[in-house]
Amino acid sequence: MLDHLEPGTTILSASGEAFTVDAALAAQFEPGDSIIANSAAGLLRIPAREREIAGGSVADCAAAFEAMDSVADKQIVAFFHKFAAALADDSRWARIAEANAADVADAKSRGRSTTRLVVTEKMRQNMIEGLRGWAETPSRRDAILEQIDHDGFRIELVGAALGIVAFVFEGRPNVLADACGVLRGGNTAIFRIGGDALATAREIMSLAVRPSLVDAGLPEHAVCLVDSPAHAAGWSLFLDQRLSLAVARGSGPAVDLLGSLAQSAGTPVSLHGTGGAWIAAAGG
């Protein structure tokens, strides 16, 4: 592990491109930091703290995925119903809305767009309906998806959980509820949301997601939030080789960078930087 970085040092990317450390990057570097060479963005510094935050969350999510093997389908269905009920509870929603109002005020003070940041009653109802929809969706986990019969034997394609699905998205709080749909197939989910909506996400996690997981008998960390507003936390998350799928939504260049980082770690990606939609389900 490096304890300092010298200006003029050459660092190679995964594709073999050479990048040179400049004086500014060398001055920012602290012991424990990581430097990633990326063909599109050049040299990226990941502070040790951001790597620890992301890595700890992935470790929790990985342990939860192992525990999902012993979770019955009815427990997963119960989670979605309980999550929906938590959002429908006016007292809990009032606290989420209060945190969101603070997020919105802070974003406005920094000249940020708040068009998609505000949690409205319509957004609330759409989140609730979406969660109830996942509860009603048949699970493909352990289901026979296809079979071929031969003389004396049969070949079956059986659905199985994919693993840890990571999401990085900007300030749209409703995406957090939408993406929990990956649990329907026995997967676990880990999120990094933009700093504009971080306080809102924290409240949704503490007031709705975690209590619903525990009450349904699912692992507490089956859904994890990478609790950092730093872009470097998202970079570190997508570089983690324990992920099974990396999903990114947001501005085109940022999504392209995240996708290239995940792909450099060998992780399949689903990228949407200019609109569109995504869905992640159990694989065969």
Protein backbone atom coordinates (compact mmCIF):
# COMPACT_ATOMS: atom_id res chain seq x y z
CA MET A 1 0.00 0.00 0.00
CA LEU A 2 1.39 3.38 -1.03
CA ASP A 3 1.92 6.02 1.64
CA HIS A 4 2.62 8.77 -0.88
CA LEU A 5 2.41 9.49 -4.60
CA GLU A 6 5.17 11.09 -6.64
CA PRO A 7 4.41 13.53 -9.48
CA GLY A 8 5.47 12.06 -12.79
CA THR A 9 4.65 8.47 -11.78
CA THR A 10 3.21 6.44 -14.67
CA ILE A 11 0.12 4.33 -13.99
CA LEU A 12 -1.35 1.89 -16.52
CA SER A 13 -5.06 1.31 -17.12
CA ALA A 14 -6.54 -2.17 -17.51
CA SER A 15 -6.33 -1.71 -21.29
CA GLY A 16 -2.65 -0.76 -21.13
CA GLU A 17 -2.93 3.01 -21.53
CA ALA A 18 -0.35 5.05 -19.63
CA PHE A 19 -1.29 8.02 -17.44
CA THR A 20 1.04 10.35 -15.57
CA VAL A 21 0.44 11.58 -12.02
CA ASP A 22 0.39 15.38 -11.90
CA ALA A 23 1.34 17.59 -8.97
CA ALA A 24 -2.29 18.27 -7.95
CA LEU A 25 -3.18 14.58 -7.68
CA ALA A 26 0.04 13.81 -5.80
CA ALA A 27 -0.78 16.55 -3.29
CA GLN A 28 -4.31 15.21 -2.72
CA PHE A 29 -3.14 11.63 -2.18
CA GLU A 30 -3.20 10.30 1.38
CA PRO A 31 -1.99 6.94 2.75
CA GLY A 32 -4.55 4.23 2.04
CA ASP A 33 -6.04 5.96 -1.00
CA SER A 34 -6.40 4.14 -4.32
CA ILE A 35 -5.59 5.48 -7.76
CA ILE A 36 -7.55 4.02 -10.66
CA ALA A 37 -6.50 4.55 -14.28
CA ASN A 38 -9.52 4.80 -16.55
CA SER A 39 -9.31 5.21 -20.32
CA ALA A 40 -12.14 7.77 -20.39
CA ALA A 41 -11.52 9.76 -17.21
CA GLY A 42 -7.78 9.41 -16.68
CA LEU A 43 -6.59 8.96 -13.10
CA LEU A 44 -9.25 8.73 -10.39
CA ARG A 45 -8.49 9.01 -6.68
CA ILE A 46 -10.59 6.91 -4.31
CA PRO A 47 -10.04 8.01 -0.69
CA ALA A 48 -9.55 5.17 1.78
CA ARG A 49 -12.69 6.17 3.68
CA GLU A 50 -14.92 5.92 0.60
CA ARG A 51 -13.46 2.52 -0.26
CA GLU A 52 -14.11 1.33 3.31
CA ILE A 53 -17.71 2.58 3.26
CA ALA A 54 -18.48 0.90 -0.06
CA GLY A 55 -16.57 -2.29 0.79
CA GLY A 56 -18.28 -2.65 4.15
CA SER A 57 -21.70 -2.29 2.58
CA VAL A 58 -20.87 -4.88 -0.08
CA ALA A 59 -19.63 -7.29 2.61
CA ASP A 60 -22.93 -6.92 4.49
CA CYS A 61 -24.89 -7.41 1.28
CA ALA A 62 -22.85 -10.49 0.34
CA ALA A 63 -23.53 -12.10 3.71
CA ALA A 64 -27.22 -11.31 3.29
CA PHE A 65 -27.26 -12.96 -0.14
CA GLU A 66 -25.88 -16.18 1.35
CA ALA A 67 -28.64 -16.07 3.97
CA MET A 68 -31.32 -15.59 1.29
CA ASP A 69 -30.98 -19.29 0.42
CA SER A 70 -32.94 -20.16 3.54
CA VAL A 71 -35.64 -17.52 3.01
CA ALA A 72 -39.03 -18.80 1.88
CA ASP A 73 -40.87 -17.16 -1.01
CA LYS A 74 -43.71 -16.08 1.28
CA GLN A 75 -41.23 -14.09 3.36
CA ILE A 76 -40.09 -12.16 0.30
CA VAL A 77 -43.72 -11.46 -0.58
CA ALA A 78 -44.30 -10.29 2.99
CA PHE A 79 -41.39 -7.86 2.70
CA PHE A 80 -42.96 -6.08 -0.26
CA HIS A 81 -46.31 -5.82 1.50
CA LYS A 82 -44.70 -4.52 4.69
CA PHE A 83 -42.57 -2.01 2.77
CA ALA A 84 -45.68 -0.75 0.97
CA ALA A 85 -47.55 -0.49 4.27
CA ALA A 86 -44.70 1.47 5.83
CA LEU A 87 -44.82 4.02 3.01
CA ALA A 88 -48.61 4.19 3.36
CA ASP A 89 -48.26 5.05 7.05
CA ASP A 90 -48.84 8.81 7.32
CA SER A 91 -46.59 9.31 10.35
CA ARG A 92 -43.63 7.60 8.69
CA TRP A 93 -44.23 9.37 5.41
CA ALA A 94 -44.31 12.73 7.20
CA ARG A 95 -40.78 12.10 8.48
CA ILE A 96 -39.61 11.04 5.02
CA ALA A 97 -41.20 14.17 3.52
CA GLU A 98 -39.52 16.32 6.18
CA ALA A 99 -36.11 14.92 5.28
CA ASN A 100 -36.90 15.40 1.62
CA ALA A 101 -37.85 19.04 2.18
CA ALA A 102 -34.42 19.58 3.72
CA ASP A 103 -32.77 17.85 0.74
CA VAL A 104 -34.74 20.04 -1.67
CA ALA A 105 -33.88 23.25 0.19
CA ASP A 106 -30.19 22.34 0.25
CA ALA A 107 -30.18 21.43 -3.45
CA LYS A 108 -31.87 24.71 -4.37
CA SER A 109 -29.31 26.67 -2.34
CA ARG A 110 -26.60 25.09 -4.48
CA GLY A 111 -28.39 25.83 -7.73
CA ARG A 112 -29.29 22.22 -8.36
CA SER A 113 -32.40 21.06 -10.24
CA THR A 114 -35.04 19.59 -7.93
CA THR A 115 -37.53 18.46 -10.59
CA ARG A 116 -37.10 14.77 -9.79
CA LEU A 117 -36.03 15.17 -6.19
CA VAL A 118 -39.34 16.19 -4.60
CA VAL A 119 -41.36 13.34 -3.08
CA THR A 120 -44.99 13.99 -4.00
CA GLU A 121 -48.15 12.13 -3.07
CA LYS A 122 -48.24 10.76 -6.63
CA MET A 123 -44.70 9.42 -6.21
CA ARG A 124 -45.67 7.86 -2.90
CA GLN A 125 -48.64 6.06 -4.43
CA ASN A 126 -46.58 4.87 -7.39
CA MET A 127 -43.97 3.44 -5.02
CA ILE A 128 -46.66 1.64 -3.02
CA GLU A 129 -48.32 0.23 -6.14
CA GLY A 130 -44.96 -0.86 -7.51
CA LEU A 131 -44.08 -2.75 -4.34
CA ARG A 132 -47.46 -4.47 -4.28
CA GLY A 133 -46.92 -5.38 -7.92
CA TRP A 134 -43.64 -7.08 -7.05
CA ALA A 135 -45.43 -9.02 -4.30
CA GLU A 136 -47.86 -10.37 -6.89
CA THR A 137 -45.17 -11.25 -9.43
CA PRO A 138 -44.37 -14.99 -9.53
CA SER A 139 -40.83 -15.82 -8.50
CA ARG A 140 -38.57 -17.55 -11.00
CA ARG A 141 -36.25 -18.77 -8.25
CA ASP A 142 -36.12 -22.59 -8.34
CA ALA A 143 -38.84 -22.57 -11.02
CA ILE A 144 -38.45 -24.84 -14.06
CA LEU A 145 -38.12 -22.39 -16.94
CA GLU A 146 -37.60 -24.93 -19.70
CA GLN A 147 -37.26 -28.68 -20.03
CA ILE A 148 -36.23 -31.12 -22.72
CA ASP A 149 -37.19 -34.77 -22.42
CA HIS A 150 -35.02 -37.56 -23.80
CA ASP A 151 -35.24 -41.34 -23.53
CA GLY A 152 -34.45 -42.09 -19.91
CA PHE A 153 -33.50 -38.57 -18.83
CA ARG A 154 -34.66 -34.96 -18.75
CA ILE A 155 -32.78 -31.66 -19.01
CA GLU A 156 -34.22 -28.76 -17.04
CA LEU A 157 -33.41 -25.07 -17.00
CA VAL A 158 -34.05 -23.92 -13.43
CA GLY A 159 -34.25 -20.30 -12.30
CA ALA A 160 -31.67 -19.16 -9.76
CA ALA A 161 -30.80 -16.00 -7.92
CA LEU A 162 -28.29 -13.75 -9.64
CA GLY A 163 -26.46 -12.37 -6.58
CA ILE A 164 -25.70 -8.82 -5.47
CA VAL A 165 -27.19 -6.16 -7.72
CA ALA A 166 -25.65 -2.71 -7.30
CA PHE A 167 -27.38 0.52 -8.26
CA VAL A 168 -25.98 4.01 -8.65
CA PHE A 169 -28.53 6.70 -9.42
CA GLU A 170 -29.05 10.42 -8.96
CA GLY A 171 -31.69 12.26 -6.93
CA ARG A 172 -34.81 10.21 -7.55
CA PRO A 173 -35.95 8.70 -4.23
CA ASN A 174 -38.58 6.48 -5.86
CA VAL A 175 -35.86 4.45 -7.61
CA LEU A 176 -34.89 3.02 -4.24
CA ALA A 177 -38.28 1.32 -3.92
CA ASP A 178 -38.35 0.31 -7.60
CA ALA A 179 -34.98 -1.43 -7.43
CA CYS A 180 -35.96 -3.51 -4.40
CA GLY A 181 -37.75 -5.64 -6.97
CA VAL A 182 -34.53 -7.63 -7.42
CA LEU A 183 -35.28 -9.29 -4.07
CA ARG A 184 -38.22 -11.05 -5.74
CA GLY A 185 -35.77 -13.46 -7.34
CA GLY A 186 -33.74 -14.03 -4.16
CA ASN A 187 -31.12 -11.39 -4.94
CA THR A 188 -29.84 -8.63 -2.69
CA ALA A 189 -29.52 -4.95 -3.55
CA ILE A 190 -27.03 -2.24 -2.73
CA PHE A 191 -27.52 1.46 -3.58
CA ARG A 192 -25.52 4.62 -3.90
CA ILE A 193 -27.78 7.64 -4.41
CA GLY A 194 -26.74 11.18 -5.31
CA GLY A 195 -25.97 13.54 -2.46
CA ASP A 196 -29.04 15.66 -3.27
CA ALA A 197 -31.34 12.86 -2.08
CA LEU A 198 -29.17 11.18 0.55
CA ALA A 199 -31.11 12.35 3.63
CA THR A 200 -34.36 11.21 2.01
CA ALA A 201 -32.85 7.80 1.25
CA ARG A 202 -31.61 7.44 4.83
CA GLU A 203 -35.13 8.00 6.15
CA ILE A 204 -36.68 5.55 3.69
CA MET A 205 -34.12 2.96 4.73
CA SER A 206 -34.53 3.46 8.49
CA LEU A 207 -38.31 3.92 8.56
CA ALA A 208 -39.46 1.53 5.84
CA VAL A 209 -36.85 -0.77 4.29
CA ARG A 210 -34.99 -2.16 7.29
CA PRO A 211 -38.04 -2.66 9.55
CA SER A 212 -39.82 -4.43 6.68
CA LEU A 213 -36.85 -6.73 6.06
CA VAL A 214 -36.60 -7.66 9.73
CA ASP A 215 -40.35 -8.10 10.21
CA ALA A 216 -40.53 -10.36 7.16
CA GLY A 217 -37.64 -12.50 8.39
CA LEU A 218 -35.23 -11.46 5.65
CA PRO A 219 -31.58 -10.60 6.32
CA GLU A 220 -31.30 -7.03 7.59
CA HIS A 221 -28.72 -6.16 4.95
CA ALA A 222 -30.56 -7.65 1.98
CA VAL A 223 -30.92 -4.01 0.94
CA CYS A 224 -27.97 -1.73 1.72
CA LEU A 225 -27.32 1.96 1.25
CA VAL A 226 -23.78 3.14 0.59
CA ASP A 227 -24.00 6.09 2.97
CA SER A 228 -21.77 8.61 1.23
CA PRO A 229 -22.42 11.53 -1.12
CA ALA A 230 -18.99 11.16 -2.73
CA HIS A 231 -18.73 10.04 -6.35
CA ALA A 232 -15.68 8.00 -5.28
CA ALA A 233 -17.95 5.77 -3.18
CA GLY A 234 -19.87 4.88 -6.33
CA TRP A 235 -16.63 4.25 -8.21
CA SER A 236 -15.42 1.95 -5.46
CA LEU A 237 -18.77 0.14 -5.38
CA PHE A 238 -18.70 -0.59 -9.11
CA LEU A 239 -15.10 -1.80 -8.91
CA ASP A 240 -16.03 -4.47 -6.35
CA GLN A 241 -15.74 -7.91 -7.92
CA ARG A 242 -18.35 -9.38 -5.55
CA LEU A 243 -21.14 -7.73 -7.57
CA SER A 244 -23.18 -9.83 -9.98
CA LEU A 245 -24.72 -6.90 -11.87
CA ALA A 246 -24.07 -3.15 -11.87
CA VAL A 247 -26.90 -0.78 -12.82
CA ALA A 248 -26.37 2.94 -13.33
CA ARG A 249 -28.76 5.76 -14.17
CA GLY A 250 -27.97 9.43 -14.57
CA SER A 251 -26.05 11.73 -16.88
CA GLY A 252 -24.37 10.14 -19.88
CA PRO A 253 -20.67 10.77 -19.03
CA ALA A 254 -21.10 9.72 -15.39
CA VAL A 255 -22.92 6.54 -16.38
CA ASP A 256 -20.30 5.75 -19.03
CA LEU A 257 -17.55 6.09 -16.43
CA LEU A 258 -19.35 3.85 -13.93
CA GLY A 259 -19.96 1.27 -16.62
CA SER A 260 -16.33 1.20 -17.67
CA LEU A 261 -15.24 0.75 -14.05
CA ALA A 262 -17.61 -2.17 -13.51
CA GLN A 263 -16.60 -3.79 -16.77
CA SER A 264 -12.93 -3.46 -15.86
CA ALA A 265 -13.74 -5.55 -12.77
CA GLY A 266 -15.53 -8.14 -14.91
CA THR A 267 -19.05 -7.22 -13.77
CA PRO A 268 -21.97 -7.17 -16.26
CA VAL A 269 -23.63 -3.77 -16.51
CA SER A 270 -26.98 -2.17 -17.33
CA LEU A 271 -26.48 1.48 -18.21
CA HIS A 272 -29.01 4.21 -18.92
CA GLY A 273 -27.55 7.69 -19.23
CA THR A 274 -30.08 9.21 -21.60
CA GLY A 275 -33.43 7.93 -20.35
CA GLY A 276 -35.09 4.53 -20.60
CA ALA A 277 -35.80 1.89 -18.02
CA TRP A 278 -34.30 -1.26 -16.58
CA ILE A 279 -35.34 -4.42 -14.83
CA ALA A 280 -33.17 -7.03 -13.13
CA ALA A 281 -34.43 -10.54 -12.43
CA ALA A 282 -33.12 -13.95 -11.47
CA GLY A 283 -31.09 -15.73 -14.11
CA GLY A 284 -31.38 -19.27 -15.31
